[in-house]
Amino acid sequence: MPGPQGNALLPFSRHRGRRPYLVLPRECTLPAPRLPAGRTWSRYERRLWRDLWRSPQASQWDESFGPAVASYVMFSVAIWGGRATAWQAQEARHLADRLGLTPAGMAARGWALEDAS
């Protein structure tokens, strides 16, 4: 049996209905921040970093997202290289959702991609 229904007219109701989506641009044109210091980044990792910061989702990130994006880069490269542990794969999945890199993550943030047509 479902619980009580929210009232969209009340300002503090949990039910707000479907919120409108924020349509992201096709590409983020802001400059990518510098990779975090403390390790040597491979050419592939640097390219992935730049690609992520050019993604539509990056238009909603600020520099405080840098450590999360860097962790996602490290975990992803380890996964693709066959060197990742199960917890690294799990962390990469969670980071991808939190960064809005997956369809579920985009939906949770209310983001939509610009129509390609």
PDB file of N, CA and C in Angstrom:
ATOM      1  N   MET A   1       0.842  -1.168   0.000  1.00  0.00           N
ATOM      2  CA  MET A   1       0.000   0.000   0.000  1.00  0.00           C
ATOM      3  C   MET A   1       0.896   1.243   0.000  1.00  0.00           C
ATOM      4  N   PRO A   2       0.740   2.133  -0.962  1.00  0.00           N
ATOM      5  CA  PRO A   2       1.606   3.305  -1.028  1.00  0.00           C
ATOM      6  C   PRO A   2       1.287   4.285   0.090  1.00  0.00           C
ATOM      7  N   GLY A   3       2.280   5.108   0.404  1.00  0.00           N
ATOM      8  CA  GLY A   3       2.109   6.125   1.445  1.00  0.00           C
ATOM      9  C   GLY A   3       1.308   7.308   0.941  1.00  0.00           C
ATOM     10  N   PRO A   4       1.180   8.333   1.773  1.00  0.00           N
ATOM     11  CA  PRO A   4       0.408   9.504   1.383  1.00  0.00           C
ATOM     12  C   PRO A   4       1.046  10.204   0.188  1.00  0.00           C
ATOM     13  N   GLN A   5       0.212  10.789  -0.628  1.00  0.00           N
ATOM     14  CA  GLN A   5       0.692  11.508  -1.798  1.00  0.00           C
ATOM     15  C   GLN A   5       1.150  12.890  -1.392  1.00  0.00           C
ATOM     16  N   GLY A   6       2.231  13.348  -2.018  1.00  0.00           N
ATOM     17  CA  GLY A   6       2.706  14.693  -1.766  1.00  0.00           C
ATOM     18  C   GLY A   6       1.810  15.710  -2.444  1.00  0.00           C
ATOM     19  N   ASN A   7       1.881  16.928  -1.972  1.00  0.00           N
ATOM     20  CA  ASN A   7       1.100  18.005  -2.559  1.00  0.00           C
ATOM     21  C   ASN A   7       2.066  18.962  -3.243  1.00  0.00           C
ATOM     22  N   ALA A   8       2.030  19.018  -4.562  1.00  0.00           N
ATOM     23  CA  ALA A   8       2.963  19.848  -5.321  1.00  0.00           C
ATOM     24  C   ALA A   8       2.751  21.328  -5.076  1.00  0.00           C
ATOM     25  N   LEU A   9       1.632  21.712  -4.481  1.00  0.00           N
ATOM     26  CA  LEU A   9       1.350  23.123  -4.225  1.00  0.00           C
ATOM     27  C   LEU A   9       1.985  23.618  -2.930  1.00  0.00           C
ATOM     28  N   LEU A  10       2.351  22.712  -2.047  1.00  0.00           N
ATOM     29  CA  LEU A  10       2.976  23.101  -0.789  1.00  0.00           C
ATOM     30  C   LEU A  10       4.480  23.259  -0.980  1.00  0.00           C
ATOM     31  N   PRO A  11       5.079  24.325  -0.453  1.00  0.00           N
ATOM     32  CA  PRO A  11       6.493  24.581  -0.721  1.00  0.00           C
ATOM     33  C   PRO A  11       7.452  23.547  -0.152  1.00  0.00           C
ATOM     34  N   PHE A  12       7.075  22.832   0.911  1.00  0.00           N
ATOM     35  CA  PHE A  12       7.993  21.867   1.506  1.00  0.00           C
ATOM     36  C   PHE A  12       7.586  20.419   1.245  1.00  0.00           C
ATOM     37  N   SER A  13       6.669  20.209   0.313  1.00  0.00           N
ATOM     38  CA  SER A  13       6.246  18.860  -0.023  1.00  0.00           C
ATOM     39  C   SER A  13       7.369  18.134  -0.743  1.00  0.00           C
ATOM     40  N   ARG A  14       7.492  16.854  -0.474  1.00  0.00           N
ATOM     41  CA  ARG A  14       8.510  16.062  -1.172  1.00  0.00           C
ATOM     42  C   ARG A  14       8.127  15.821  -2.629  1.00  0.00           C
ATOM     43  N   HIS A  15       6.878  15.937  -2.935  1.00  0.00           N
ATOM     44  CA  HIS A  15       6.420  15.695  -4.299  1.00  0.00           C
ATOM     45  C   HIS A  15       6.421  17.012  -5.065  1.00  0.00           C
ATOM     46  N   ARG A  16       7.216  17.082  -6.058  1.00  0.00           N
ATOM     47  CA  ARG A  16       7.285  18.284  -6.881  1.00  0.00           C
ATOM     48  C   ARG A  16       6.904  17.981  -8.323  1.00  0.00           C
ATOM     49  N   GLY A  17       6.588  16.726  -8.595  1.00  0.00           N
ATOM     50  CA  GLY A  17       6.335  16.361  -9.979  1.00  0.00           C
ATOM     51  C   GLY A  17       7.660  16.267 -10.730  1.00  0.00           C
ATOM     52  N   ARG A  18       7.574  16.129 -12.016  1.00  0.00           N
ATOM     53  CA  ARG A  18       8.795  16.041 -12.823  1.00  0.00           C
ATOM     54  C   ARG A  18       9.374  17.436 -12.970  1.00  0.00           C
ATOM     55  N   ARG A  19      10.610  17.575 -12.535  1.00  0.00           N
ATOM     56  CA  ARG A  19      11.240  18.871 -12.702  1.00  0.00           C
ATOM     57  C   ARG A  19      11.748  18.998 -14.130  1.00  0.00           C
ATOM     58  N   PRO A  20      11.814  20.196 -14.633  1.00  0.00           N
ATOM     59  CA  PRO A  20      12.288  20.344 -16.004  1.00  0.00           C
ATOM     60  C   PRO A  20      13.768  19.985 -16.095  1.00  0.00           C
ATOM     61  N   TYR A  21      14.130  19.443 -17.223  1.00  0.00           N
ATOM     62  CA  TYR A  21      15.522  19.069 -17.435  1.00  0.00           C
ATOM     63  C   TYR A  21      16.342  20.268 -17.859  1.00  0.00           C
ATOM     64  N   LEU A  22      17.584  20.291 -17.418  1.00  0.00           N
ATOM     65  CA  LEU A  22      18.551  21.274 -17.874  1.00  0.00           C
ATOM     66  C   LEU A  22      19.214  20.672 -19.106  1.00  0.00           C
ATOM     67  N   VAL A  23      19.066  21.308 -20.235  1.00  0.00           N
ATOM     68  CA  VAL A  23      19.653  20.797 -21.476  1.00  0.00           C
ATOM     69  C   VAL A  23      21.108  21.255 -21.528  1.00  0.00           C
ATOM     70  N   LEU A  24      22.004  20.283 -21.565  1.00  0.00           N
ATOM     71  CA  LEU A  24      23.433  20.567 -21.583  1.00  0.00           C
ATOM     72  C   LEU A  24      23.899  20.877 -23.006  1.00  0.00           C
ATOM     73  N   PRO A  25      24.916  21.711 -23.143  1.00  0.00           N
ATOM     74  CA  PRO A  25      25.454  21.972 -24.474  1.00  0.00           C
ATOM     75  C   PRO A  25      26.137  20.716 -25.021  1.00  0.00           C
ATOM     76  N   ARG A  26      26.380  20.703 -26.309  1.00  0.00           N
ATOM     77  CA  ARG A  26      27.022  19.517 -26.915  1.00  0.00           C
ATOM     78  C   ARG A  26      28.450  19.312 -26.433  1.00  0.00           C
ATOM     79  N   GLU A  27      29.113  20.391 -26.049  1.00  0.00           N
ATOM     80  CA  GLU A  27      30.503  20.317 -25.607  1.00  0.00           C
ATOM     81  C   GLU A  27      30.751  21.457 -24.635  1.00  0.00           C
ATOM     82  N   CYS A  28      31.574  21.202 -23.625  1.00  0.00           N
ATOM     83  CA  CYS A  28      31.969  22.246 -22.691  1.00  0.00           C
ATOM     84  C   CYS A  28      33.175  22.968 -23.281  1.00  0.00           C
ATOM     85  N   THR A  29      33.080  24.269 -23.386  1.00  0.00           N
ATOM     86  CA  THR A  29      34.169  25.051 -23.987  1.00  0.00           C
ATOM     87  C   THR A  29      35.046  25.730 -22.943  1.00  0.00           C
ATOM     88  N   LEU A  30      34.767  25.510 -21.675  1.00  0.00           N
ATOM     89  CA  LEU A  30      35.594  26.075 -20.616  1.00  0.00           C
ATOM     90  C   LEU A  30      36.931  25.344 -20.566  1.00  0.00           C
ATOM     91  N   PRO A  31      37.997  26.005 -20.149  1.00  0.00           N
ATOM     92  CA  PRO A  31      39.292  25.312 -20.077  1.00  0.00           C
ATOM     93  C   PRO A  31      39.293  24.261 -18.966  1.00  0.00           C
ATOM     94  N   ALA A  32      39.955  23.163 -19.230  1.00  0.00           N
ATOM     95  CA  ALA A  32      40.076  22.093 -18.231  1.00  0.00           C
ATOM     96  C   ALA A  32      41.064  22.524 -17.162  1.00  0.00           C
ATOM     97  N   PRO A  33      40.768  22.222 -15.898  1.00  0.00           N
ATOM     98  CA  PRO A  33      41.755  22.516 -14.852  1.00  0.00           C
ATOM     99  C   PRO A  33      42.969  21.601 -14.997  1.00  0.00           C
ATOM    100  N   ARG A  34      44.010  21.941 -14.286  1.00  0.00           N
ATOM    101  CA  ARG A  34      45.224  21.111 -14.313  1.00  0.00           C
ATOM    102  C   ARG A  34      44.962  19.805 -13.566  1.00  0.00           C
ATOM    103  N   LEU A  35      45.598  18.750 -14.046  1.00  0.00           N
ATOM    104  CA  LEU A  35      45.526  17.468 -13.339  1.00  0.00           C
ATOM    105  C   LEU A  35      46.144  17.618 -11.956  1.00  0.00           C
ATOM    106  N   PRO A  36      45.617  16.933 -10.955  1.00  0.00           N
ATOM    107  CA  PRO A  36      46.199  17.022  -9.614  1.00  0.00           C
ATOM    108  C   PRO A  36      47.657  16.550  -9.605  1.00  0.00           C
ATOM    109  N   ALA A  37      48.459  17.218  -8.802  1.00  0.00           N
ATOM    110  CA  ALA A  37      49.867  16.843  -8.651  1.00  0.00           C
ATOM    111  C   ALA A  37      49.971  15.624  -7.746  1.00  0.00           C
ATOM    112  N   GLY A  38      51.143  15.027  -7.711  1.00  0.00           N
ATOM    113  CA  GLY A  38      51.367  13.921  -6.788  1.00  0.00           C
ATOM    114  C   GLY A  38      51.601  12.587  -7.463  1.00  0.00           C
ATOM    115  N   ARG A  39      51.407  12.545  -8.764  1.00  0.00           N
ATOM    116  CA  ARG A  39      51.672  11.309  -9.498  1.00  0.00           C
ATOM    117  C   ARG A  39      51.965  11.675 -10.938  1.00  0.00           C
ATOM    118  N   THR A  40      52.540  10.745 -11.656  1.00  0.00           N
ATOM    119  CA  THR A  40      52.798  10.938 -13.076  1.00  0.00           C
ATOM    120  C   THR A  40      51.608  10.379 -13.845  1.00  0.00           C
ATOM    121  N   TRP A  41      51.013  11.224 -14.661  1.00  0.00           N
ATOM    122  CA  TRP A  41      49.840  10.840 -15.448  1.00  0.00           C
ATOM    123  C   TRP A  41      50.290  10.383 -16.828  1.00  0.00           C
ATOM    124  N   SER A  42      49.758   9.263 -17.284  1.00  0.00           N
ATOM    125  CA  SER A  42      50.108   8.758 -18.615  1.00  0.00           C
ATOM    126  C   SER A  42      49.469   9.647 -19.682  1.00  0.00           C
ATOM    127  N   ARG A  43      49.942   9.499 -20.896  1.00  0.00           N
ATOM    128  CA  ARG A  43      49.371  10.261 -22.007  1.00  0.00           C
ATOM    129  C   ARG A  43      47.887   9.929 -22.171  1.00  0.00           C
ATOM    130  N   TYR A  44      47.535   8.656 -22.019  1.00  0.00           N
ATOM    131  CA  TYR A  44      46.137   8.249 -22.143  1.00  0.00           C
ATOM    132  C   TYR A  44      45.285   8.883 -21.043  1.00  0.00           C
ATOM    133  N   GLU A  45      45.799   8.901 -19.806  1.00  0.00           N
ATOM    134  CA  GLU A  45      45.057   9.511 -18.699  1.00  0.00           C
ATOM    135  C   GLU A  45      44.871  11.006 -18.936  1.00  0.00           C
ATOM    136  N   ARG A  46      45.890  11.676 -19.419  1.00  0.00           N
ATOM    137  CA  ARG A  46      45.766  13.113 -19.708  1.00  0.00           C
ATOM    138  C   ARG A  46      44.729  13.363 -20.797  1.00  0.00           C
ATOM    139  N   ARG A  47      44.711  12.493 -21.814  1.00  0.00           N
ATOM    140  CA  ARG A  47      43.718  12.650 -22.877  1.00  0.00           C
ATOM    141  C   ARG A  47      42.307  12.403 -22.362  1.00  0.00           C
ATOM    142  N   LEU A  48      42.123  11.376 -21.537  1.00  0.00           N
ATOM    143  CA  LEU A  48      40.822  11.093 -20.947  1.00  0.00           C
ATOM    144  C   LEU A  48      40.371  12.258 -20.067  1.00  0.00           C
ATOM    145  N   TRP A  49      41.284  12.828 -19.287  1.00  0.00           N
ATOM    146  CA  TRP A  49      40.996  14.003 -18.455  1.00  0.00           C
ATOM    147  C   TRP A  49      40.475  15.153 -19.318  1.00  0.00           C
ATOM    148  N   ARG A  50      41.183  15.453 -20.386  1.00  0.00           N
ATOM    149  CA  ARG A  50      40.752  16.546 -21.282  1.00  0.00           C
ATOM    150  C   ARG A  50      39.400  16.231 -21.910  1.00  0.00           C
ATOM    151  N   ASP A  51      39.204  14.990 -22.345  1.00  0.00           N
ATOM    152  CA  ASP A  51      37.928  14.603 -22.962  1.00  0.00           C
ATOM    153  C   ASP A  51      36.766  14.742 -21.971  1.00  0.00           C
ATOM    154  N   LEU A  52      36.988  14.335 -20.731  1.00  0.00           N
ATOM    155  CA  LEU A  52      35.927  14.456 -19.729  1.00  0.00           C
ATOM    156  C   LEU A  52      35.580  15.917 -19.478  1.00  0.00           C
ATOM    157  N   TRP A  53      36.586  16.787 -19.450  1.00  0.00           N
ATOM    158  CA  TRP A  53      36.338  18.209 -19.200  1.00  0.00           C
ATOM    159  C   TRP A  53      35.760  18.916 -20.426  1.00  0.00           C
ATOM    160  N   ARG A  54      35.722  18.258 -21.567  1.00  0.00           N
ATOM    161  CA  ARG A  54      35.051  18.792 -22.755  1.00  0.00           C
ATOM    162  C   ARG A  54      33.632  18.239 -22.889  1.00  0.00           C
ATOM    163  N   SER A  55      33.286  17.262 -22.064  1.00  0.00           N
ATOM    164  CA  SER A  55      31.977  16.614 -22.169  1.00  0.00           C
ATOM    165  C   SER A  55      30.868  17.606 -21.816  1.00  0.00           C
ATOM    166  N   PRO A  56      29.658  17.335 -22.257  1.00  0.00           N
ATOM    167  CA  PRO A  56      28.529  18.201 -21.887  1.00  0.00           C
ATOM    168  C   PRO A  56      28.369  18.344 -20.370  1.00  0.00           C
ATOM    169  N   GLN A  57      28.612  17.257 -19.641  1.00  0.00           N
ATOM    170  CA  GLN A  57      28.441  17.279 -18.192  1.00  0.00           C
ATOM    171  C   GLN A  57      29.402  18.258 -17.525  1.00  0.00           C
ATOM    172  N   ALA A  58      30.582  18.432 -18.094  1.00  0.00           N
ATOM    173  CA  ALA A  58      31.586  19.315 -17.496  1.00  0.00           C
ATOM    174  C   ALA A  58      31.126  20.763 -17.455  1.00  0.00           C
ATOM    175  N   SER A  59      30.131  21.107 -18.254  1.00  0.00           N
ATOM    176  CA  SER A  59      29.611  22.469 -18.201  1.00  0.00           C
ATOM    177  C   SER A  59      28.960  22.760 -16.854  1.00  0.00           C
ATOM    178  N   GLN A  60      28.660  21.713 -16.074  1.00  0.00           N
ATOM    179  CA  GLN A  60      28.039  21.872 -14.767  1.00  0.00           C
ATOM    180  C   GLN A  60      29.015  21.641 -13.610  1.00  0.00           C
ATOM    181  N   TRP A  61      30.259  21.313 -13.930  1.00  0.00           N
ATOM    182  CA  TRP A  61      31.273  21.084 -12.900  1.00  0.00           C
ATOM    183  C   TRP A  61      32.066  22.362 -12.681  1.00  0.00           C
ATOM    184  N   ASP A  62      32.599  22.502 -11.479  1.00  0.00           N
ATOM    185  CA  ASP A  62      33.590  23.543 -11.248  1.00  0.00           C
ATOM    186  C   ASP A  62      34.892  22.839 -10.852  1.00  0.00           C
ATOM    187  N   GLU A  63      35.904  23.606 -10.478  1.00  0.00           N
ATOM    188  CA  GLU A  63      37.203  22.987 -10.196  1.00  0.00           C
ATOM    189  C   GLU A  63      37.164  22.057  -8.990  1.00  0.00           C
ATOM    190  N   SER A  64      36.175  22.197  -8.127  1.00  0.00           N
ATOM    191  CA  SER A  64      36.080  21.304  -6.976  1.00  0.00           C
ATOM    192  C   SER A  64      35.781  19.866  -7.394  1.00  0.00           C
ATOM    193  N   PHE A  65      35.333  19.654  -8.627  1.00  0.00           N
ATOM    194  CA  PHE A  65      35.088  18.310  -9.136  1.00  0.00           C
ATOM    195  C   PHE A  65      36.386  17.619  -9.573  1.00  0.00           C
ATOM    196  N   GLY A  66      37.481  18.357  -9.622  1.00  0.00           N
ATOM    197  CA  GLY A  66      38.760  17.819 -10.093  1.00  0.00           C
ATOM    198  C   GLY A  66      39.179  16.513  -9.446  1.00  0.00           C
ATOM    199  N   PRO A  67      39.191  16.422  -8.107  1.00  0.00           N
ATOM    200  CA  PRO A  67      39.596  15.153  -7.487  1.00  0.00           C
ATOM    201  C   PRO A  67      38.693  13.979  -7.869  1.00  0.00           C
ATOM    202  N   ALA A  68      37.402  14.219  -7.977  1.00  0.00           N
ATOM    203  CA  ALA A  68      36.481  13.133  -8.356  1.00  0.00           C
ATOM    204  C   ALA A  68      36.732  12.705  -9.796  1.00  0.00           C
ATOM    205  N   VAL A  69      36.951  13.668 -10.691  1.00  0.00           N
ATOM    206  CA  VAL A  69      37.219  13.336 -12.092  1.00  0.00           C
ATOM    207  C   VAL A  69      38.558  12.604 -12.199  1.00  0.00           C
ATOM    208  N   ALA A  70      39.567  13.056 -11.437  1.00  0.00           N
ATOM    209  CA  ALA A  70      40.871  12.388 -11.458  1.00  0.00           C
ATOM    210  C   ALA A  70      40.756  10.951 -10.956  1.00  0.00           C
ATOM    211  N   SER A  71      39.979  10.737  -9.905  1.00  0.00           N
ATOM    212  CA  SER A  71      39.771   9.375  -9.401  1.00  0.00           C
ATOM    213  C   SER A  71      39.068   8.523 -10.446  1.00  0.00           C
ATOM    214  N   TYR A  72      38.074   9.094 -11.099  1.00  0.00           N
ATOM    215  CA  TYR A  72      37.368   8.359 -12.153  1.00  0.00           C
ATOM    216  C   TYR A  72      38.333   7.974 -13.272  1.00  0.00           C
ATOM    217  N   VAL A  73      39.217   8.881 -13.642  1.00  0.00           N
ATOM    218  CA  VAL A  73      40.216   8.587 -14.681  1.00  0.00           C
ATOM    219  C   VAL A  73      41.096   7.426 -14.246  1.00  0.00           C
ATOM    220  N   MET A  74      41.620   7.477 -13.018  1.00  0.00           N
ATOM    221  CA  MET A  74      42.516   6.411 -12.546  1.00  0.00           C
ATOM    222  C   MET A  74      41.805   5.065 -12.486  1.00  0.00           C
ATOM    223  N   PHE A  75      40.584   5.059 -11.942  1.00  0.00           N
ATOM    224  CA  PHE A  75      39.844   3.804 -11.834  1.00  0.00           C
ATOM    225  C   PHE A  75      39.489   3.261 -13.212  1.00  0.00           C
ATOM    226  N   SER A  76      39.076   4.116 -14.117  1.00  0.00           N
ATOM    227  CA  SER A  76      38.681   3.670 -15.456  1.00  0.00           C
ATOM    228  C   SER A  76      39.862   3.060 -16.206  1.00  0.00           C
ATOM    229  N   VAL A  77      40.994   3.713 -16.134  1.00  0.00           N
ATOM    230  CA  VAL A  77      42.181   3.185 -16.824  1.00  0.00           C
ATOM    231  C   VAL A  77      42.595   1.849 -16.213  1.00  0.00           C
ATOM    232  N   ALA A  78      42.494   1.714 -14.899  1.00  0.00           N
ATOM    233  CA  ALA A  78      42.815   0.434 -14.252  1.00  0.00           C
ATOM    234  C   ALA A  78      41.838  -0.656 -14.686  1.00  0.00           C
ATOM    235  N   ILE A  79      40.564  -0.303 -14.801  1.00  0.00           N
ATOM    236  CA  ILE A  79      39.559  -1.280 -15.230  1.00  0.00           C
ATOM    237  C   ILE A  79      39.848  -1.727 -16.658  1.00  0.00           C
ATOM    238  N   TRP A  80      40.048  -0.778 -17.549  1.00  0.00           N
ATOM    239  CA  TRP A  80      40.276  -1.107 -18.958  1.00  0.00           C
ATOM    240  C   TRP A  80      41.598  -1.847 -19.159  1.00  0.00           C
ATOM    241  N   GLY A  81      42.545  -1.624 -18.243  1.00  0.00           N
ATOM    242  CA  GLY A  81      43.825  -2.328 -18.332  1.00  0.00           C
ATOM    243  C   GLY A  81      43.813  -3.675 -17.636  1.00  0.00           C
ATOM    244  N   GLY A  82      42.689  -4.058 -17.024  1.00  0.00           N
ATOM    245  CA  GLY A  82      42.588  -5.352 -16.362  1.00  0.00           C
ATOM    246  C   GLY A  82      43.309  -5.408 -15.027  1.00  0.00           C
ATOM    247  N   ARG A  83      43.598  -4.248 -14.429  1.00  0.00           N
ATOM    248  CA  ARG A  83      44.341  -4.218 -13.164  1.00  0.00           C
ATOM    249  C   ARG A  83      43.482  -3.790 -11.983  1.00  0.00           C
ATOM    250  N   ALA A  84      42.213  -3.525 -12.195  1.00  0.00           N
ATOM    251  CA  ALA A  84      41.358  -2.971 -11.138  1.00  0.00           C
ATOM    252  C   ALA A  84      40.851  -4.047 -10.196  1.00  0.00           C
ATOM    253  N   THR A  85      40.683  -3.661  -8.948  1.00  0.00           N
ATOM    254  CA  THR A  85      40.040  -4.539  -7.971  1.00  0.00           C
ATOM    255  C   THR A  85      38.530  -4.303  -8.055  1.00  0.00           C
ATOM    256  N   ALA A  86      37.781  -5.142  -7.367  1.00  0.00           N
ATOM    257  CA  ALA A  86      36.321  -5.001  -7.383  1.00  0.00           C
ATOM    258  C   ALA A  86      35.888  -3.668  -6.785  1.00  0.00           C
ATOM    259  N   TRP A  87      36.549  -3.230  -5.708  1.00  0.00           N
ATOM    260  CA  TRP A  87      36.135  -1.966  -5.099  1.00  0.00           C
ATOM    261  C   TRP A  87      36.450  -0.796  -6.016  1.00  0.00           C
ATOM    262  N   GLN A  88      37.542  -0.872  -6.806  1.00  0.00           N
ATOM    263  CA  GLN A  88      37.839   0.202  -7.758  1.00  0.00           C
ATOM    264  C   GLN A  88      36.769   0.275  -8.848  1.00  0.00           C
ATOM    265  N   ALA A  89      36.345  -0.883  -9.314  1.00  0.00           N
ATOM    266  CA  ALA A  89      35.283  -0.903 -10.318  1.00  0.00           C
ATOM    267  C   ALA A  89      33.990  -0.326  -9.747  1.00  0.00           C
ATOM    268  N   GLN A  90      33.692  -0.658  -8.497  1.00  0.00           N
ATOM    269  CA  GLN A  90      32.500  -0.127  -7.852  1.00  0.00           C
ATOM    270  C   GLN A  90      32.613   1.390  -7.677  1.00  0.00           C
ATOM    271  N   GLU A  91      33.767   1.866  -7.263  1.00  0.00           N
ATOM    272  CA  GLU A  91      33.961   3.312  -7.098  1.00  0.00           C
ATOM    273  C   GLU A  91      33.835   4.038  -8.436  1.00  0.00           C
ATOM    274  N   ALA A  92      34.365   3.439  -9.491  1.00  0.00           N
ATOM    275  CA  ALA A  92      34.243   4.058 -10.822  1.00  0.00           C
ATOM    276  C   ALA A  92      32.780   4.172 -11.219  1.00  0.00           C
ATOM    277  N   ARG A  93      32.012   3.146 -10.932  1.00  0.00           N
ATOM    278  CA  ARG A  93      30.587   3.174 -11.252  1.00  0.00           C
ATOM    279  C   ARG A  93      29.869   4.267 -10.475  1.00  0.00           C
ATOM    280  N   HIS A  94      30.171   4.365  -9.186  1.00  0.00           N
ATOM    281  CA  HIS A  94      29.539   5.402  -8.362  1.00  0.00           C
ATOM    282  C   HIS A  94      29.970   6.799  -8.814  1.00  0.00           C
ATOM    283  N   LEU A  95      31.239   6.974  -9.110  1.00  0.00           N
ATOM    284  CA  LEU A  95      31.712   8.279  -9.572  1.00  0.00           C
ATOM    285  C   LEU A  95      31.062   8.659 -10.901  1.00  0.00           C
ATOM    286  N   ALA A  96      30.929   7.696 -11.795  1.00  0.00           N
ATOM    287  CA  ALA A  96      30.294   7.983 -13.088  1.00  0.00           C
ATOM    288  C   ALA A  96      28.870   8.484 -12.878  1.00  0.00           C
ATOM    289  N   ASP A  97      28.150   7.872 -11.956  1.00  0.00           N
ATOM    290  CA  ASP A  97      26.791   8.338 -11.651  1.00  0.00           C
ATOM    291  C   ASP A  97      26.815   9.731 -11.043  1.00  0.00           C
ATOM    292  N   ARG A  98      27.692   9.952 -10.054  1.00  0.00           N
ATOM    293  CA  ARG A  98      27.741  11.247  -9.365  1.00  0.00           C
ATOM    294  C   ARG A  98      28.168  12.374 -10.297  1.00  0.00           C
ATOM    295  N   LEU A  99      29.006  12.056 -11.255  1.00  0.00           N
ATOM    296  CA  LEU A  99      29.466  13.069 -12.211  1.00  0.00           C
ATOM    297  C   LEU A  99      28.475  13.274 -13.351  1.00  0.00           C
ATOM    298  N   GLY A 100      27.430  12.453 -13.381  1.00  0.00           N
ATOM    299  CA  GLY A 100      26.431  12.583 -14.441  1.00  0.00           C
ATOM    300  C   GLY A 100      26.882  12.001 -15.761  1.00  0.00           C
ATOM    301  N   LEU A 101      27.786  11.024 -15.722  1.00  0.00           N
ATOM    302  CA  LEU A 101      28.329  10.436 -16.945  1.00  0.00           C
ATOM    303  C   LEU A 101      27.498   9.256 -17.452  1.00  0.00           C
ATOM    304  N   THR A 102      26.527   8.817 -16.674  1.00  0.00           N
ATOM    305  CA  THR A 102      25.661   7.714 -17.080  1.00  0.00           C
ATOM    306  C   THR A 102      24.243   8.247 -17.281  1.00  0.00           C
ATOM    307  N   PRO A 103      23.413   7.527 -18.024  1.00  0.00           N
ATOM    308  CA  PRO A 103      22.018   7.976 -18.160  1.00  0.00           C
ATOM    309  C   PRO A 103      21.309   8.132 -16.812  1.00  0.00           C
ATOM    310  N   ALA A 104      21.542   7.194 -15.890  1.00  0.00           N
ATOM    311  CA  ALA A 104      20.914   7.295 -14.570  1.00  0.00           C
ATOM    312  C   ALA A 104      21.436   8.514 -13.811  1.00  0.00           C
ATOM    313  N   GLY A 105      22.732   8.769 -13.903  1.00  0.00           N
ATOM    314  CA  GLY A 105      23.309   9.929 -13.239  1.00  0.00           C
ATOM    315  C   GLY A 105      22.791  11.234 -13.811  1.00  0.00           C
ATOM    316  N   MET A 106      22.623  11.267 -15.131  1.00  0.00           N
ATOM    317  CA  MET A 106      22.075  12.477 -15.759  1.00  0.00           C
ATOM    318  C   MET A 106      20.625  12.693 -15.326  1.00  0.00           C
ATOM    319  N   ALA A 107      19.854  11.632 -15.298  1.00  0.00           N
ATOM    320  CA  ALA A 107      18.448  11.754 -14.889  1.00  0.00           C
ATOM    321  C   ALA A 107      18.340  12.210 -13.437  1.00  0.00           C
ATOM    322  N   ALA A 108      19.212  11.686 -12.568  1.00  0.00           N
ATOM    323  CA  ALA A 108      19.183  12.069 -11.160  1.00  0.00           C
ATOM    324  C   ALA A 108      19.485  13.556 -10.969  1.00  0.00           C
ATOM    325  N   ARG A 109      20.276  14.117 -11.845  1.00  0.00           N
ATOM    326  CA  ARG A 109      20.620  15.530 -11.769  1.00  0.00           C
ATOM    327  C   ARG A 109      19.685  16.421 -12.576  1.00  0.00           C
ATOM    328  N   GLY A 110      18.791  15.808 -13.324  1.00  0.00           N
ATOM    329  CA  GLY A 110      17.865  16.588 -14.130  1.00  0.00           C
ATOM    330  C   GLY A 110      18.526  17.149 -15.373  1.00  0.00           C
ATOM    331  N   TRP A 111      19.509  16.439 -15.913  1.00  0.00           N
ATOM    332  CA  TRP A 111      20.231  16.891 -17.093  1.00  0.00           C
ATOM    333  C   TRP A 111      19.760  16.105 -18.311  1.00  0.00           C
ATOM    334  N   ALA A 112      19.783  16.749 -19.444  1.00  0.00           N
ATOM    335  CA  ALA A 112      19.485  16.092 -20.721  1.00  0.00           C
ATOM    336  C   ALA A 112      20.480  16.614 -21.734  1.00  0.00           C
ATOM    337  N   LEU A 113      20.805  15.766 -22.719  1.00  0.00           N
ATOM    338  CA  LEU A 113      21.713  16.188 -23.781  1.00  0.00           C
ATOM    339  C   LEU A 113      20.946  16.933 -24.847  1.00  0.00           C
ATOM    340  N   GLU A 114      21.608  17.891 -25.453  1.00  0.00           N
ATOM    341  CA  GLU A 114      21.020  18.639 -26.548  1.00  0.00           C
ATOM    342  C   GLU A 114      20.714  17.677 -27.690  1.00  0.00           C
ATOM    343  N   ASP A 115      19.592  17.876 -28.351  1.00  0.00           N
ATOM    344  CA  ASP A 115      19.190  17.006 -29.453  1.00  0.00           C
ATOM    345  C   ASP A 115      20.225  17.098 -30.565  1.00  0.00           C
ATOM    346  N   ALA A 116      20.668  15.960 -31.064  1.00  0.00           N
ATOM    347  CA  ALA A 116      21.701  15.920 -32.095  1.00  0.00           C
ATOM    348  C   ALA A 116      21.175  16.267 -33.477  1.00  0.00           C
ATOM    349  N   SER A 117      19.859  16.313 -33.653  1.00  0.00           N
ATOM    350  CA  SER A 117      19.320  16.563 -35.002  1.00  0.00           C
ATOM    351  C   SER A 117      19.284  18.011 -35.373  1.00  0.00           C
TER     352      SER A 117
END
